[in-house]
């Protein structure tokens, strides 16, 4: 686990405790062409909770947290016509 993943883990853990929840949802979508691009965020109970995540965080950081057992994928959807349109629901285990 790198420093960025540790920060994300701690922020998610704090949100889970405050909201008494154990699920988050990663979402991404394509906003258009340059200067716009792919936008992604993490929600808990329908509200974006990733605003304080470190700059440059990515889905790979969540995959790393899953590999270490902090997250578990419950459901994943990727639009077959748009690979940037994704939704992944995780259970927070740690």
C-alpha atoms as a PDB file:
ATOM      1  CA  UNK A   1       0.000   0.000   0.000  1.00  0.00           C
ATOM      2  CA  UNK A   2       1.357   3.382  -0.961  1.00  0.00           C
ATOM      3  CA  UNK A   3       0.845   6.708   0.847  1.00  0.00           C
ATOM      4  CA  UNK A   4      -2.027   7.763  -1.427  1.00  0.00           C
ATOM      5  CA  UNK A   5      -3.881   4.508  -0.778  1.00  0.00           C
ATOM      6  CA  UNK A   6      -3.348   4.881   2.969  1.00  0.00           C
ATOM      7  CA  UNK A   7      -4.903   8.367   2.871  1.00  0.00           C
ATOM      8  CA  UNK A   8      -7.850   7.113   0.810  1.00  0.00           C
ATOM      9  CA  UNK A   9      -8.325   4.180   3.197  1.00  0.00           C
ATOM     10  CA  UNK A  10      -8.366   6.497   6.208  1.00  0.00           C
ATOM     11  CA  UNK A  11     -10.821   8.903   4.557  1.00  0.00           C
ATOM     12  CA  UNK A  12     -13.166   6.066   3.580  1.00  0.00           C
ATOM     13  CA  UNK A  13     -12.970   4.593   7.090  1.00  0.00           C
ATOM     14  CA  UNK A  14     -13.892   7.966   8.613  1.00  0.00           C
ATOM     15  CA  UNK A  15     -16.870   8.326   6.256  1.00  0.00           C
ATOM     16  CA  UNK A  16     -18.066   4.805   7.063  1.00  0.00           C
ATOM     17  CA  UNK A  17     -17.918   5.514  10.779  1.00  0.00           C
ATOM     18  CA  UNK A  18     -19.678   8.882  10.473  1.00  0.00           C
ATOM     19  CA  UNK A  19     -22.436   7.558   8.211  1.00  0.00           C
ATOM     20  CA  UNK A  20     -22.758   4.138   9.846  1.00  0.00           C
ATOM     21  CA  UNK A  21     -22.454   2.509   6.452  1.00  0.00           C
ATOM     22  CA  UNK A  22     -20.302  -0.221   4.982  1.00  0.00           C
ATOM     23  CA  UNK A  23     -20.714   0.440   1.246  1.00  0.00           C
ATOM     24  CA  UNK A  24     -19.241   2.869  -1.256  1.00  0.00           C
ATOM     25  CA  UNK A  25     -19.801   3.248  -4.989  1.00  0.00           C
ATOM     26  CA  UNK A  26     -17.135   4.231  -7.513  1.00  0.00           C
ATOM     27  CA  UNK A  27     -18.532   5.985 -10.586  1.00  0.00           C
ATOM     28  CA  UNK A  28     -16.965   7.384 -13.724  1.00  0.00           C
ATOM     29  CA  UNK A  29     -18.237   9.039 -16.870  1.00  0.00           C
ATOM     30  CA  UNK A  30     -16.927  10.814 -19.948  1.00  0.00           C
ATOM     31  CA  UNK A  31     -17.740  14.523 -19.856  1.00  0.00           C
ATOM     32  CA  UNK A  32     -16.724  15.379 -23.383  1.00  0.00           C
ATOM     33  CA  UNK A  33     -13.685  16.437 -25.295  1.00  0.00           C
ATOM     34  CA  UNK A  34     -10.621  18.453 -24.322  1.00  0.00           C
ATOM     35  CA  UNK A  35     -10.363  20.196 -21.888  1.00  0.00           C
ATOM     36  CA  UNK A  36     -12.937  17.859 -20.398  1.00  0.00           C
ATOM     37  CA  UNK A  37     -12.425  14.166 -20.046  1.00  0.00           C
ATOM     38  CA  UNK A  38     -13.203  11.354 -17.692  1.00  0.00           C
ATOM     39  CA  UNK A  39     -14.595  12.366 -14.333  1.00  0.00           C
ATOM     40  CA  UNK A  40     -14.708   9.913 -11.442  1.00  0.00           C
ATOM     41  CA  UNK A  41     -15.798   9.966  -7.838  1.00  0.00           C
ATOM     42  CA  UNK A  42     -16.740   7.787  -4.866  1.00  0.00           C
ATOM     43  CA  UNK A  43     -20.160   8.017  -3.241  1.00  0.00           C
ATOM     44  CA  UNK A  44     -21.555   6.904   0.072  1.00  0.00           C
ATOM     45  CA  UNK A  45     -25.319   6.970   0.463  1.00  0.00           C
ATOM     46  CA  UNK A  46     -25.596   8.937  -2.793  1.00  0.00           C
ATOM     47  CA  UNK A  47     -23.172  11.710  -1.829  1.00  0.00           C
ATOM     48  CA  UNK A  48     -19.682  12.326  -3.231  1.00  0.00           C
ATOM     49  CA  UNK A  49     -17.134  11.574  -0.511  1.00  0.00           C
ATOM     50  CA  UNK A  50     -13.975  11.677  -2.636  1.00  0.00           C
ATOM     51  CA  UNK A  51     -13.444  15.435  -2.625  1.00  0.00           C
ATOM     52  CA  UNK A  52     -10.569  15.118  -0.150  1.00  0.00           C
ATOM     53  CA  UNK A  53      -8.868  12.185  -1.889  1.00  0.00           C
ATOM     54  CA  UNK A  54      -5.281  12.990  -2.918  1.00  0.00           C
ATOM     55  CA  UNK A  55      -4.739  14.573  -6.320  1.00  0.00           C
ATOM     56  CA  UNK A  56      -4.204  11.954  -8.997  1.00  0.00           C
ATOM     57  CA  UNK A  57      -6.061   9.130  -7.283  1.00  0.00           C
ATOM     58  CA  UNK A  58      -7.422   6.473  -9.594  1.00  0.00           C
ATOM     59  CA  UNK A  59      -9.415   3.270  -9.782  1.00  0.00           C
ATOM     60  CA  UNK A  60      -6.104   1.436  -9.390  1.00  0.00           C
ATOM     61  CA  UNK A  61      -5.878   2.842  -5.856  1.00  0.00           C
ATOM     62  CA  UNK A  62      -9.236   1.249  -5.016  1.00  0.00           C
ATOM     63  CA  UNK A  63      -8.037  -1.995  -6.632  1.00  0.00           C
ATOM     64  CA  UNK A  64      -5.008  -1.875  -4.337  1.00  0.00           C
ATOM     65  CA  UNK A  65      -7.265  -1.419  -1.312  1.00  0.00           C
ATOM     66  CA  UNK A  66      -9.276  -4.393  -2.514  1.00  0.00           C
ATOM     67  CA  UNK A  67      -6.133  -6.520  -2.851  1.00  0.00           C
ATOM     68  CA  UNK A  68      -5.210  -5.777   0.756  1.00  0.00           C
ATOM     69  CA  UNK A  69      -8.710  -6.750   1.943  1.00  0.00           C
ATOM     70  CA  UNK A  70     -10.044  -3.303   2.830  1.00  0.00           C
ATOM     71  CA  UNK A  71     -12.623  -3.323   0.003  1.00  0.00           C
ATOM     72  CA  UNK A  72     -14.635  -6.113  -1.597  1.00  0.00           C
ATOM     73  CA  UNK A  73     -16.401  -5.720  -4.952  1.00  0.00           C
ATOM     74  CA  UNK A  74     -20.109  -6.461  -4.633  1.00  0.00           C
ATOM     75  CA  UNK A  75     -21.235  -5.455  -8.099  1.00  0.00           C
ATOM     76  CA  UNK A  76     -19.617  -3.928 -11.173  1.00  0.00           C
ATOM     77  CA  UNK A  77     -21.106  -2.431 -14.317  1.00  0.00           C
ATOM     78  CA  UNK A  78     -19.328  -1.122 -17.404  1.00  0.00           C
ATOM     79  CA  UNK A  79     -21.316   0.246 -20.305  1.00  0.00           C
ATOM     80  CA  UNK A  80     -20.462  -1.968 -23.303  1.00  0.00           C
ATOM     81  CA  UNK A  81     -20.627   1.085 -25.585  1.00  0.00           C
ATOM     82  CA  UNK A  82     -18.587   3.404 -23.331  1.00  0.00           C
ATOM     83  CA  UNK A  83     -15.800   1.980 -21.164  1.00  0.00           C
ATOM     84  CA  UNK A  84     -15.629   5.265 -19.254  1.00  0.00           C
ATOM     85  CA  UNK A  85     -19.202   4.777 -17.970  1.00  0.00           C
ATOM     86  CA  UNK A  86     -18.647   2.584 -14.907  1.00  0.00           C
ATOM     87  CA  UNK A  87     -20.150   1.860 -11.556  1.00  0.00           C
ATOM     88  CA  UNK A  88     -18.545  -0.422  -8.982  1.00  0.00           C
ATOM     89  CA  UNK A  89     -20.153  -1.066  -5.606  1.00  0.00           C
ATOM     90  CA  UNK A  90     -17.800  -2.052  -2.779  1.00  0.00           C
ATOM     91  CA  UNK A  91     -18.247  -3.309   0.759  1.00  0.00           C
ATOM     92  CA  UNK A  92     -15.788  -1.735   3.164  1.00  0.00           C
ATOM     93  CA  UNK A  93     -14.315  -4.573   5.202  1.00  0.00           C
ATOM     94  CA  UNK A  94     -11.608  -2.867   7.189  1.00  0.00           C
END
